[in-house]
């Protein structure tokens, strides 16, 4: 869980788990996996800057109603403060039930429940070209290799009205790190 300020955090490890048993009572299971923050839940706006995720983020909660996976944040319950000048360089994979709408994987955030702003015009969120976003569910799997033509549509796994993204592609990790 993230609360206030996160600066200069780097994740190099692959993060993930598989859990294929019955979901919790009430059917409210919703695992959140993020390279830097799994679950943003606070009334205080979060400040995140100069962070980078290099590891793959995987959520395999097969019987859940939904899963949320993102390079920076898995699930944002509250609106964000300042999230800028970060690098997303890991693959994101989420698995879920037959309902494709509940399977949420995004380059930056899996699901942002309230309107938020990611990046600024002068300090965007940098995205490594060639990373993969995969949605896998009972009916099949869809993998998108990120490039100039599709990255804007994959920034968030669950579109929310009012979200604003300032993002830019980089060709190499070295290029992305030089910008932080």
N, C-alpha and C. Protein backbone atom coordinates (compact mmCIF):
# COMPACT_ATOMS: atom_id res chain seq x y z
N UNK A 1 0.84 -1.18 0.00
CA UNK A 1 0.00 0.00 0.00
C UNK A 1 0.88 1.24 0.00
N UNK A 2 0.46 2.24 -0.71
CA UNK A 2 1.23 3.49 -0.81
C UNK A 2 0.45 4.62 -0.16
N UNK A 3 1.19 5.52 0.48
CA UNK A 3 0.52 6.59 1.19
C UNK A 3 0.96 8.00 0.81
N UNK A 4 2.20 8.36 0.88
CA UNK A 4 2.55 9.77 0.79
C UNK A 4 3.56 10.06 -0.32
N UNK A 5 4.82 9.78 -0.08
CA UNK A 5 5.86 10.14 -1.04
C UNK A 5 6.73 8.94 -1.36
N UNK A 6 6.93 8.69 -2.64
CA UNK A 6 7.81 7.63 -3.09
C UNK A 6 8.74 8.25 -4.13
N UNK A 7 10.02 8.32 -3.82
CA UNK A 7 11.00 8.90 -4.73
C UNK A 7 12.19 7.98 -4.89
N UNK A 8 12.69 7.91 -6.08
CA UNK A 8 13.90 7.15 -6.41
C UNK A 8 13.81 5.69 -5.97
N UNK A 9 12.67 5.06 -6.24
CA UNK A 9 12.52 3.63 -5.97
C UNK A 9 12.65 2.87 -7.28
N UNK A 10 13.43 1.80 -7.25
CA UNK A 10 13.67 1.00 -8.45
C UNK A 10 13.37 -0.45 -8.13
N UNK A 11 12.58 -1.10 -8.98
CA UNK A 11 12.31 -2.52 -8.82
C UNK A 11 12.90 -3.27 -10.00
N UNK A 12 13.74 -4.26 -9.69
CA UNK A 12 14.36 -5.10 -10.71
C UNK A 12 13.80 -6.52 -10.71
N UNK A 13 13.05 -6.88 -9.70
CA UNK A 13 12.55 -8.25 -9.54
C UNK A 13 11.23 -8.45 -10.28
N UNK A 14 10.99 -9.68 -10.70
CA UNK A 14 9.68 -10.04 -11.21
C UNK A 14 8.75 -10.18 -10.00
N UNK A 15 7.55 -9.64 -10.12
CA UNK A 15 6.60 -9.67 -9.02
C UNK A 15 5.35 -10.38 -9.50
N UNK A 16 4.86 -11.35 -8.71
CA UNK A 16 3.63 -11.99 -9.12
C UNK A 16 3.30 -13.21 -8.31
N UNK A 17 2.11 -13.71 -8.55
CA UNK A 17 1.68 -14.93 -7.89
C UNK A 17 0.54 -15.55 -8.67
N UNK A 18 0.28 -16.82 -8.38
CA UNK A 18 -0.87 -17.53 -8.92
C UNK A 18 -1.71 -18.01 -7.76
N UNK A 19 -3.01 -17.87 -7.89
CA UNK A 19 -3.91 -18.29 -6.84
C UNK A 19 -5.19 -18.74 -7.53
N UNK A 20 -5.42 -20.03 -7.59
CA UNK A 20 -6.51 -20.54 -8.41
C UNK A 20 -7.61 -21.22 -7.61
N UNK A 21 -7.71 -20.94 -6.32
CA UNK A 21 -8.77 -21.55 -5.53
C UNK A 21 -9.97 -20.61 -5.45
N UNK A 22 -10.97 -21.01 -4.69
CA UNK A 22 -12.18 -20.22 -4.55
C UNK A 22 -11.86 -18.84 -3.97
N UNK A 23 -12.50 -17.82 -4.54
CA UNK A 23 -12.24 -16.47 -4.04
C UNK A 23 -12.89 -16.24 -2.69
N UNK A 24 -12.53 -15.16 -2.00
CA UNK A 24 -13.05 -14.90 -0.66
C UNK A 24 -14.57 -14.78 -0.63
N UNK A 25 -15.15 -14.94 0.56
CA UNK A 25 -16.60 -14.82 0.74
C UNK A 25 -17.08 -13.47 0.21
N UNK A 26 -18.20 -13.48 -0.46
CA UNK A 26 -18.74 -12.25 -1.00
C UNK A 26 -18.23 -11.93 -2.39
N UNK A 27 -17.28 -12.71 -2.90
CA UNK A 27 -16.80 -12.51 -4.25
C UNK A 27 -16.09 -11.20 -4.49
N UNK A 28 -15.42 -10.67 -3.49
CA UNK A 28 -14.78 -9.38 -3.63
C UNK A 28 -13.28 -9.47 -3.81
N UNK A 29 -12.76 -10.66 -4.14
CA UNK A 29 -11.33 -10.79 -4.33
C UNK A 29 -10.86 -9.93 -5.49
N UNK A 30 -9.84 -9.13 -5.26
CA UNK A 30 -9.33 -8.26 -6.31
C UNK A 30 -7.86 -7.98 -6.06
N UNK A 31 -6.99 -8.93 -6.38
CA UNK A 31 -5.57 -8.74 -6.14
C UNK A 31 -5.02 -7.57 -6.95
N UNK A 32 -4.11 -6.84 -6.34
CA UNK A 32 -3.49 -5.68 -6.98
C UNK A 32 -1.98 -5.84 -6.97
N UNK A 33 -1.38 -5.77 -8.15
CA UNK A 33 0.06 -5.94 -8.26
C UNK A 33 0.65 -4.77 -9.03
N UNK A 34 1.65 -4.12 -8.45
CA UNK A 34 2.34 -3.04 -9.12
C UNK A 34 3.82 -3.16 -8.91
N UNK A 35 4.59 -2.71 -9.87
CA UNK A 35 6.05 -2.76 -9.76
C UNK A 35 6.58 -1.87 -8.64
N UNK A 36 5.90 -0.76 -8.37
CA UNK A 36 6.31 0.14 -7.30
C UNK A 36 5.28 0.14 -6.17
N UNK A 37 4.00 0.17 -6.50
CA UNK A 37 2.93 0.22 -5.50
C UNK A 37 1.80 -0.69 -5.94
N UNK A 38 1.39 -1.62 -5.09
CA UNK A 38 0.28 -2.51 -5.42
C UNK A 38 -1.07 -1.83 -5.29
N UNK A 39 -1.24 -1.05 -4.21
CA UNK A 39 -2.56 -0.51 -3.90
C UNK A 39 -2.42 0.89 -3.33
N UNK A 40 -2.90 1.87 -4.05
CA UNK A 40 -2.90 3.25 -3.59
C UNK A 40 -4.22 3.51 -2.90
N UNK A 41 -4.20 3.62 -1.57
CA UNK A 41 -5.43 3.82 -0.82
C UNK A 41 -5.20 4.85 0.27
N UNK A 42 -5.48 6.07 -0.06
CA UNK A 42 -5.29 7.13 0.91
C UNK A 42 -6.04 8.38 0.48
N UNK A 43 -6.47 9.15 1.43
CA UNK A 43 -7.09 10.43 1.10
C UNK A 43 -6.01 11.46 0.77
N UNK A 44 -4.79 11.16 1.20
CA UNK A 44 -3.67 12.05 0.90
C UNK A 44 -3.17 11.77 -0.51
N UNK A 45 -3.00 12.79 -1.34
CA UNK A 45 -2.47 12.55 -2.67
C UNK A 45 -1.05 11.97 -2.60
N UNK A 46 -0.79 11.04 -3.49
CA UNK A 46 0.53 10.40 -3.55
C UNK A 46 1.46 11.24 -4.40
N UNK A 47 2.70 11.35 -3.96
CA UNK A 47 3.76 11.93 -4.78
C UNK A 47 4.71 10.80 -5.14
N UNK A 48 4.88 10.54 -6.43
CA UNK A 48 5.82 9.53 -6.91
C UNK A 48 6.64 10.15 -8.02
N UNK A 49 7.96 10.12 -7.86
CA UNK A 49 8.81 10.66 -8.91
C UNK A 49 10.13 9.91 -8.98
N UNK A 50 10.68 9.91 -10.18
CA UNK A 50 11.99 9.30 -10.42
C UNK A 50 12.05 7.83 -10.00
N UNK A 51 10.99 7.09 -10.26
CA UNK A 51 10.93 5.66 -9.95
C UNK A 51 10.96 4.87 -11.25
N UNK A 52 11.38 3.62 -11.18
CA UNK A 52 11.43 2.77 -12.37
C UNK A 52 11.13 1.32 -12.00
N UNK A 53 10.36 0.67 -12.87
CA UNK A 53 10.12 -0.76 -12.73
C UNK A 53 10.69 -1.47 -13.95
N UNK A 54 11.57 -2.44 -13.70
CA UNK A 54 12.19 -3.22 -14.77
C UNK A 54 11.67 -4.66 -14.80
N UNK A 55 11.05 -5.10 -13.72
CA UNK A 55 10.60 -6.48 -13.62
C UNK A 55 9.22 -6.69 -14.21
N UNK A 56 8.94 -7.92 -14.57
CA UNK A 56 7.60 -8.28 -15.03
C UNK A 56 6.66 -8.32 -13.83
N UNK A 57 5.42 -7.88 -14.06
CA UNK A 57 4.41 -7.89 -13.01
C UNK A 57 3.31 -8.84 -13.48
N UNK A 58 3.01 -9.85 -12.63
CA UNK A 58 2.09 -10.92 -13.01
C UNK A 58 1.06 -11.14 -11.92
N UNK A 59 -0.21 -11.25 -12.31
CA UNK A 59 -1.26 -11.54 -11.35
C UNK A 59 -2.11 -12.67 -11.91
N UNK A 60 -2.07 -13.81 -11.27
CA UNK A 60 -2.79 -14.97 -11.76
C UNK A 60 -3.87 -15.45 -10.82
N UNK A 61 -4.74 -14.58 -10.39
CA UNK A 61 -5.83 -14.94 -9.48
C UNK A 61 -7.00 -15.39 -10.34
N UNK A 62 -6.96 -16.62 -10.77
CA UNK A 62 -7.83 -17.12 -11.82
C UNK A 62 -9.31 -17.05 -11.49
N UNK A 63 -9.70 -17.24 -10.24
CA UNK A 63 -11.13 -17.25 -9.90
C UNK A 63 -11.64 -15.91 -9.36
N UNK A 64 -10.85 -14.88 -9.47
CA UNK A 64 -11.26 -13.58 -8.97
C UNK A 64 -12.24 -12.90 -9.91
N UNK A 65 -12.99 -11.95 -9.38
CA UNK A 65 -13.86 -11.16 -10.23
C UNK A 65 -13.06 -10.18 -11.07
N UNK A 66 -11.87 -9.83 -10.61
CA UNK A 66 -11.01 -8.91 -11.36
C UNK A 66 -9.59 -8.96 -10.81
N UNK A 67 -8.65 -8.60 -11.65
CA UNK A 67 -7.26 -8.47 -11.22
C UNK A 67 -6.71 -7.17 -11.80
N UNK A 68 -5.73 -6.57 -11.13
CA UNK A 68 -5.19 -5.28 -11.53
C UNK A 68 -3.66 -5.35 -11.52
N UNK A 69 -3.05 -5.02 -12.67
CA UNK A 69 -1.60 -5.09 -12.80
C UNK A 69 -1.09 -3.85 -13.54
N UNK A 70 -0.04 -3.22 -12.99
CA UNK A 70 0.58 -2.08 -13.66
C UNK A 70 2.05 -1.95 -13.28
N UNK A 71 2.85 -1.36 -14.14
CA UNK A 71 4.27 -1.14 -13.87
C UNK A 71 4.48 -0.28 -12.62
N UNK A 72 3.72 0.79 -12.49
CA UNK A 72 3.89 1.67 -11.33
C UNK A 72 2.90 1.34 -10.23
N UNK A 73 1.60 1.26 -10.55
CA UNK A 73 0.56 1.05 -9.55
C UNK A 73 -0.41 -0.02 -10.05
N UNK A 74 -0.74 -0.98 -9.19
CA UNK A 74 -1.73 -1.99 -9.56
C UNK A 74 -3.14 -1.42 -9.56
N UNK A 75 -3.52 -0.78 -8.43
CA UNK A 75 -4.86 -0.24 -8.30
C UNK A 75 -4.81 1.06 -7.53
N UNK A 76 -5.39 2.11 -8.08
CA UNK A 76 -5.48 3.39 -7.40
C UNK A 76 -6.90 3.65 -6.96
N UNK A 77 -7.16 3.55 -5.66
CA UNK A 77 -8.50 3.79 -5.14
C UNK A 77 -8.78 5.28 -5.02
N UNK A 78 -7.80 6.01 -4.55
CA UNK A 78 -7.95 7.45 -4.38
C UNK A 78 -7.34 8.17 -5.57
N UNK A 79 -7.68 9.44 -5.71
CA UNK A 79 -7.06 10.19 -6.79
C UNK A 79 -5.60 10.44 -6.44
N UNK A 80 -4.80 10.56 -7.47
CA UNK A 80 -3.37 10.71 -7.27
C UNK A 80 -2.99 12.17 -7.12
N UNK A 81 -1.80 12.39 -6.63
CA UNK A 81 -1.23 13.73 -6.56
C UNK A 81 -0.32 13.91 -7.75
N UNK A 82 0.96 13.86 -7.51
CA UNK A 82 1.95 14.07 -8.57
C UNK A 82 2.68 12.76 -8.83
N UNK A 83 2.52 12.23 -10.02
CA UNK A 83 3.27 11.05 -10.44
C UNK A 83 3.95 11.44 -11.74
N UNK A 84 5.27 11.55 -11.71
CA UNK A 84 5.98 12.07 -12.87
C UNK A 84 7.38 11.50 -12.96
N UNK A 85 7.93 11.63 -14.16
CA UNK A 85 9.33 11.29 -14.40
C UNK A 85 9.68 9.89 -13.91
N UNK A 86 8.86 8.91 -14.29
CA UNK A 86 9.09 7.52 -13.92
C UNK A 86 9.26 6.70 -15.20
N UNK A 87 9.84 5.51 -15.08
CA UNK A 87 10.10 4.63 -16.21
C UNK A 87 9.38 3.31 -16.03
N UNK A 88 8.61 2.92 -17.05
CA UNK A 88 7.91 1.63 -17.07
C UNK A 88 8.63 0.74 -18.08
N UNK A 89 9.35 -0.28 -17.58
CA UNK A 89 10.16 -1.12 -18.47
C UNK A 89 9.91 -2.60 -18.29
N UNK A 90 8.83 -2.98 -17.61
CA UNK A 90 8.52 -4.39 -17.38
C UNK A 90 7.26 -4.82 -18.09
N UNK A 91 7.17 -6.11 -18.38
CA UNK A 91 5.95 -6.67 -18.97
C UNK A 91 4.87 -6.78 -17.90
N UNK A 92 3.60 -6.70 -18.32
CA UNK A 92 2.47 -6.85 -17.41
C UNK A 92 1.57 -7.97 -17.92
N UNK A 93 1.24 -8.91 -17.05
CA UNK A 93 0.37 -10.03 -17.41
C UNK A 93 -0.66 -10.20 -16.32
N UNK A 94 -1.92 -10.30 -16.71
CA UNK A 94 -2.96 -10.58 -15.74
C UNK A 94 -3.85 -11.69 -16.26
N UNK A 95 -4.27 -12.55 -15.37
CA UNK A 95 -5.20 -13.63 -15.70
C UNK A 95 -6.44 -13.48 -14.84
N UNK A 96 -7.55 -13.91 -15.37
CA UNK A 96 -8.78 -13.81 -14.61
C UNK A 96 -9.84 -14.75 -15.15
N UNK A 97 -11.06 -14.52 -14.76
CA UNK A 97 -12.16 -15.39 -15.14
C UNK A 97 -12.61 -15.13 -16.59
N UNK A 98 -13.73 -15.68 -16.95
CA UNK A 98 -14.24 -15.54 -18.31
C UNK A 98 -14.60 -14.10 -18.65
N UNK A 99 -14.87 -13.29 -17.65
CA UNK A 99 -15.22 -11.88 -17.89
C UNK A 99 -13.99 -11.09 -18.27
N UNK A 100 -13.86 -10.75 -19.52
CA UNK A 100 -12.69 -10.02 -19.98
C UNK A 100 -12.62 -8.62 -19.39
N UNK A 101 -13.76 -8.02 -19.04
CA UNK A 101 -13.75 -6.65 -18.52
C UNK A 101 -13.14 -6.56 -17.13
N UNK A 102 -13.03 -7.67 -16.41
CA UNK A 102 -12.45 -7.65 -15.08
C UNK A 102 -10.97 -7.93 -15.04
N UNK A 103 -10.39 -8.18 -16.20
CA UNK A 103 -8.97 -8.49 -16.29
C UNK A 103 -8.25 -7.21 -16.71
N UNK A 104 -7.54 -6.61 -15.76
CA UNK A 104 -7.01 -5.27 -15.99
C UNK A 104 -5.49 -5.24 -15.91
N UNK A 105 -4.85 -4.95 -17.02
CA UNK A 105 -3.41 -4.76 -17.06
C UNK A 105 -3.13 -3.51 -17.86
N UNK A 106 -2.31 -2.64 -17.31
CA UNK A 106 -1.95 -1.41 -18.00
C UNK A 106 -0.47 -1.14 -17.84
N UNK A 107 0.11 -0.45 -18.79
CA UNK A 107 1.54 -0.15 -18.71
C UNK A 107 1.84 0.61 -17.42
N UNK A 108 1.06 1.65 -17.13
CA UNK A 108 1.32 2.49 -15.96
C UNK A 108 0.51 2.02 -14.75
N UNK A 109 -0.80 1.84 -14.91
CA UNK A 109 -1.69 1.49 -13.81
C UNK A 109 -2.70 0.45 -14.29
N UNK A 110 -2.99 -0.53 -13.44
CA UNK A 110 -3.99 -1.54 -13.80
C UNK A 110 -5.39 -0.96 -13.79
N UNK A 111 -5.72 -0.23 -12.74
CA UNK A 111 -7.04 0.42 -12.65
C UNK A 111 -6.90 1.62 -11.73
N UNK A 112 -7.34 2.76 -12.19
CA UNK A 112 -7.38 3.98 -11.39
C UNK A 112 -8.84 4.34 -11.19
N UNK A 113 -9.36 4.15 -9.98
CA UNK A 113 -10.80 4.29 -9.72
C UNK A 113 -11.30 5.72 -9.76
N UNK A 114 -10.49 6.68 -9.35
CA UNK A 114 -10.88 8.09 -9.41
C UNK A 114 -9.93 8.80 -10.36
N UNK A 115 -10.39 9.89 -10.91
CA UNK A 115 -9.58 10.58 -11.92
C UNK A 115 -8.21 10.94 -11.36
N UNK A 116 -7.21 10.81 -12.22
CA UNK A 116 -5.82 11.00 -11.82
C UNK A 116 -5.02 11.55 -12.98
N UNK A 117 -3.86 12.08 -12.67
CA UNK A 117 -2.94 12.57 -13.70
C UNK A 117 -1.61 11.85 -13.53
N UNK A 118 -1.11 11.30 -14.62
CA UNK A 118 0.17 10.60 -14.64
C UNK A 118 1.11 11.33 -15.58
N UNK A 119 2.20 11.84 -15.03
CA UNK A 119 3.18 12.57 -15.82
C UNK A 119 2.75 14.01 -16.06
N UNK A 120 3.70 14.81 -16.48
CA UNK A 120 3.43 16.19 -16.88
C UNK A 120 4.00 16.36 -18.28
N UNK A 121 3.72 17.49 -18.89
CA UNK A 121 4.25 17.72 -20.23
C UNK A 121 5.77 17.75 -20.22
N UNK A 122 6.37 18.28 -19.17
CA UNK A 122 7.84 18.37 -19.11
C UNK A 122 8.49 17.18 -18.41
N UNK A 123 7.72 16.44 -17.61
CA UNK A 123 8.24 15.26 -16.92
C UNK A 123 7.24 14.11 -17.07
N UNK A 124 7.22 13.50 -18.27
CA UNK A 124 6.24 12.43 -18.54
C UNK A 124 6.63 11.12 -17.88
N UNK A 125 5.75 10.14 -18.03
CA UNK A 125 6.06 8.77 -17.67
C UNK A 125 6.69 8.15 -18.91
N UNK A 126 7.89 7.61 -18.79
CA UNK A 126 8.60 7.01 -19.91
C UNK A 126 8.27 5.52 -19.99
N UNK A 127 8.09 5.05 -21.21
CA UNK A 127 7.69 3.67 -21.46
C UNK A 127 8.66 3.04 -22.44
N UNK A 128 9.20 1.88 -22.06
CA UNK A 128 10.15 1.18 -22.92
C UNK A 128 9.42 0.50 -24.07
N UNK A 129 9.79 0.86 -25.28
CA UNK A 129 9.21 0.25 -26.46
C UNK A 129 9.53 -1.24 -26.47
N UNK A 130 8.55 -2.07 -26.79
CA UNK A 130 8.76 -3.52 -26.87
C UNK A 130 8.29 -4.30 -25.67
N UNK A 131 7.92 -3.60 -24.56
CA UNK A 131 7.36 -4.37 -23.44
C UNK A 131 5.99 -4.91 -23.85
N UNK A 132 5.50 -5.88 -23.09
CA UNK A 132 4.25 -6.55 -23.44
C UNK A 132 3.20 -6.38 -22.35
N UNK A 133 1.97 -6.20 -22.81
CA UNK A 133 0.81 -6.20 -21.91
C UNK A 133 -0.05 -7.36 -22.36
N UNK A 134 -0.32 -8.30 -21.43
CA UNK A 134 -1.09 -9.50 -21.76
C UNK A 134 -2.29 -9.63 -20.85
N UNK A 135 -3.45 -9.86 -21.47
CA UNK A 135 -4.69 -10.18 -20.76
C UNK A 135 -4.96 -11.64 -21.06
N UNK A 136 -5.06 -12.47 -20.05
CA UNK A 136 -5.37 -13.89 -20.25
C UNK A 136 -6.60 -14.24 -19.43
N UNK A 137 -7.57 -14.85 -20.05
CA UNK A 137 -8.77 -15.26 -19.34
C UNK A 137 -9.30 -16.51 -20.01
N UNK A 138 -10.36 -17.06 -19.47
CA UNK A 138 -10.87 -18.36 -19.91
C UNK A 138 -11.04 -18.43 -21.43
N UNK A 139 -11.50 -17.37 -22.03
CA UNK A 139 -11.77 -17.37 -23.47
C UNK A 139 -10.51 -17.22 -24.32
N UNK A 140 -9.37 -16.95 -23.72
CA UNK A 140 -8.14 -16.82 -24.50
C UNK A 140 -7.19 -15.79 -23.90
N UNK A 141 -6.19 -15.44 -24.68
CA UNK A 141 -5.19 -14.46 -24.23
C UNK A 141 -4.92 -13.48 -25.36
N UNK A 142 -4.70 -12.24 -24.97
CA UNK A 142 -4.37 -11.19 -25.93
C UNK A 142 -3.09 -10.52 -25.45
N UNK A 143 -2.06 -10.51 -26.28
CA UNK A 143 -0.79 -9.86 -25.95
C UNK A 143 -0.57 -8.70 -26.91
N UNK A 144 -0.21 -7.56 -26.37
CA UNK A 144 0.14 -6.39 -27.17
C UNK A 144 1.59 -6.05 -26.91
N UNK A 145 2.40 -6.00 -27.96
CA UNK A 145 3.77 -5.53 -27.86
C UNK A 145 3.72 -4.01 -28.07
N UNK A 146 4.21 -3.27 -27.11
CA UNK A 146 4.04 -1.82 -27.11
C UNK A 146 4.96 -1.14 -28.11
N UNK A 147 4.35 -0.29 -28.94
CA UNK A 147 5.11 0.52 -29.90
C UNK A 147 4.40 1.85 -30.09
N UNK A 148 4.86 2.64 -31.07
CA UNK A 148 4.31 3.98 -31.29
C UNK A 148 2.83 3.97 -31.61
N UNK A 149 2.35 2.91 -32.23
CA UNK A 149 0.97 2.87 -32.69
C UNK A 149 -0.06 2.50 -31.63
N UNK A 150 0.38 1.89 -30.52
CA UNK A 150 -0.62 1.37 -29.58
C UNK A 150 -0.41 1.75 -28.12
N UNK A 151 0.68 2.40 -27.77
CA UNK A 151 0.97 2.57 -26.35
C UNK A 151 -0.07 3.42 -25.62
N UNK A 152 -0.64 4.41 -26.29
CA UNK A 152 -1.60 5.27 -25.61
C UNK A 152 -2.86 4.51 -25.18
N UNK A 153 -3.23 3.48 -25.93
CA UNK A 153 -4.43 2.72 -25.58
C UNK A 153 -4.18 1.71 -24.47
N UNK A 154 -2.93 1.49 -24.07
CA UNK A 154 -2.61 0.49 -23.05
C UNK A 154 -2.03 1.09 -21.77
N UNK A 155 -2.12 2.41 -21.59
CA UNK A 155 -1.55 3.04 -20.41
C UNK A 155 -2.25 2.62 -19.13
N UNK A 156 -3.56 2.37 -19.21
CA UNK A 156 -4.33 1.91 -18.06
C UNK A 156 -5.15 0.71 -18.47
N UNK A 157 -5.33 -0.22 -17.55
CA UNK A 157 -6.09 -1.41 -17.85
C UNK A 157 -7.58 -1.22 -17.79
N UNK A 158 -8.03 -0.30 -16.96
CA UNK A 158 -9.46 0.01 -16.80
C UNK A 158 -9.62 1.51 -17.03
N UNK A 159 -10.08 1.94 -18.19
CA UNK A 159 -10.23 3.38 -18.44
C UNK A 159 -11.19 4.03 -17.44
N UNK A 160 -10.80 5.18 -16.94
CA UNK A 160 -11.61 5.96 -16.01
C UNK A 160 -11.76 7.37 -16.56
N UNK A 161 -12.97 7.87 -16.58
CA UNK A 161 -13.20 9.24 -17.06
C UNK A 161 -12.36 10.22 -16.26
N UNK A 162 -11.73 11.11 -16.96
CA UNK A 162 -10.95 12.16 -16.30
C UNK A 162 -9.48 11.85 -16.12
N UNK A 163 -9.05 10.62 -16.35
CA UNK A 163 -7.62 10.33 -16.23
C UNK A 163 -6.84 11.04 -17.33
N UNK A 164 -5.69 11.58 -16.97
CA UNK A 164 -4.82 12.29 -17.91
C UNK A 164 -3.45 11.63 -17.88
N UNK A 165 -2.92 11.33 -19.06
CA UNK A 165 -1.60 10.70 -19.15
C UNK A 165 -0.69 11.52 -20.05
N UNK A 166 0.49 11.81 -19.55
CA UNK A 166 1.56 12.38 -20.35
C UNK A 166 2.64 11.30 -20.37
N UNK A 167 2.79 10.67 -21.52
CA UNK A 167 3.73 9.54 -21.63
C UNK A 167 4.58 9.71 -22.88
N UNK A 168 5.75 9.10 -22.84
CA UNK A 168 6.66 9.15 -23.98
C UNK A 168 7.39 7.81 -24.08
N UNK A 169 7.56 7.33 -25.30
CA UNK A 169 8.29 6.08 -25.51
C UNK A 169 9.79 6.33 -25.52
N UNK A 170 10.53 5.34 -25.02
CA UNK A 170 11.99 5.33 -25.13
C UNK A 170 12.39 4.01 -25.77
N UNK A 171 13.48 4.01 -26.50
CA UNK A 171 13.91 2.81 -27.25
C UNK A 171 14.75 1.86 -26.42
N UNK A 172 15.46 2.38 -25.41
CA UNK A 172 16.33 1.55 -24.59
C UNK A 172 16.18 1.92 -23.11
N UNK A 173 16.54 1.01 -22.25
CA UNK A 173 16.54 1.29 -20.81
C UNK A 173 17.50 2.43 -20.52
N UNK A 174 18.64 2.44 -21.18
CA UNK A 174 19.65 3.49 -20.97
C UNK A 174 19.07 4.87 -21.29
N UNK A 175 18.33 4.95 -22.38
CA UNK A 175 17.69 6.21 -22.75
C UNK A 175 16.69 6.64 -21.66
N UNK A 176 15.89 5.71 -21.18
CA UNK A 176 14.92 6.01 -20.13
C UNK A 176 15.59 6.44 -18.84
N UNK A 177 16.64 5.75 -18.44
CA UNK A 177 17.34 6.10 -17.20
C UNK A 177 18.01 7.47 -17.31
N UNK A 178 18.49 7.83 -18.47
CA UNK A 178 19.14 9.12 -18.65
C UNK A 178 18.14 10.27 -18.47
N UNK A 179 16.87 9.99 -18.69
CA UNK A 179 15.84 11.02 -18.56
C UNK A 179 15.36 11.19 -17.13
N UNK A 180 15.59 10.20 -16.27
CA UNK A 180 15.14 10.32 -14.88
C UNK A 180 16.03 11.26 -14.10
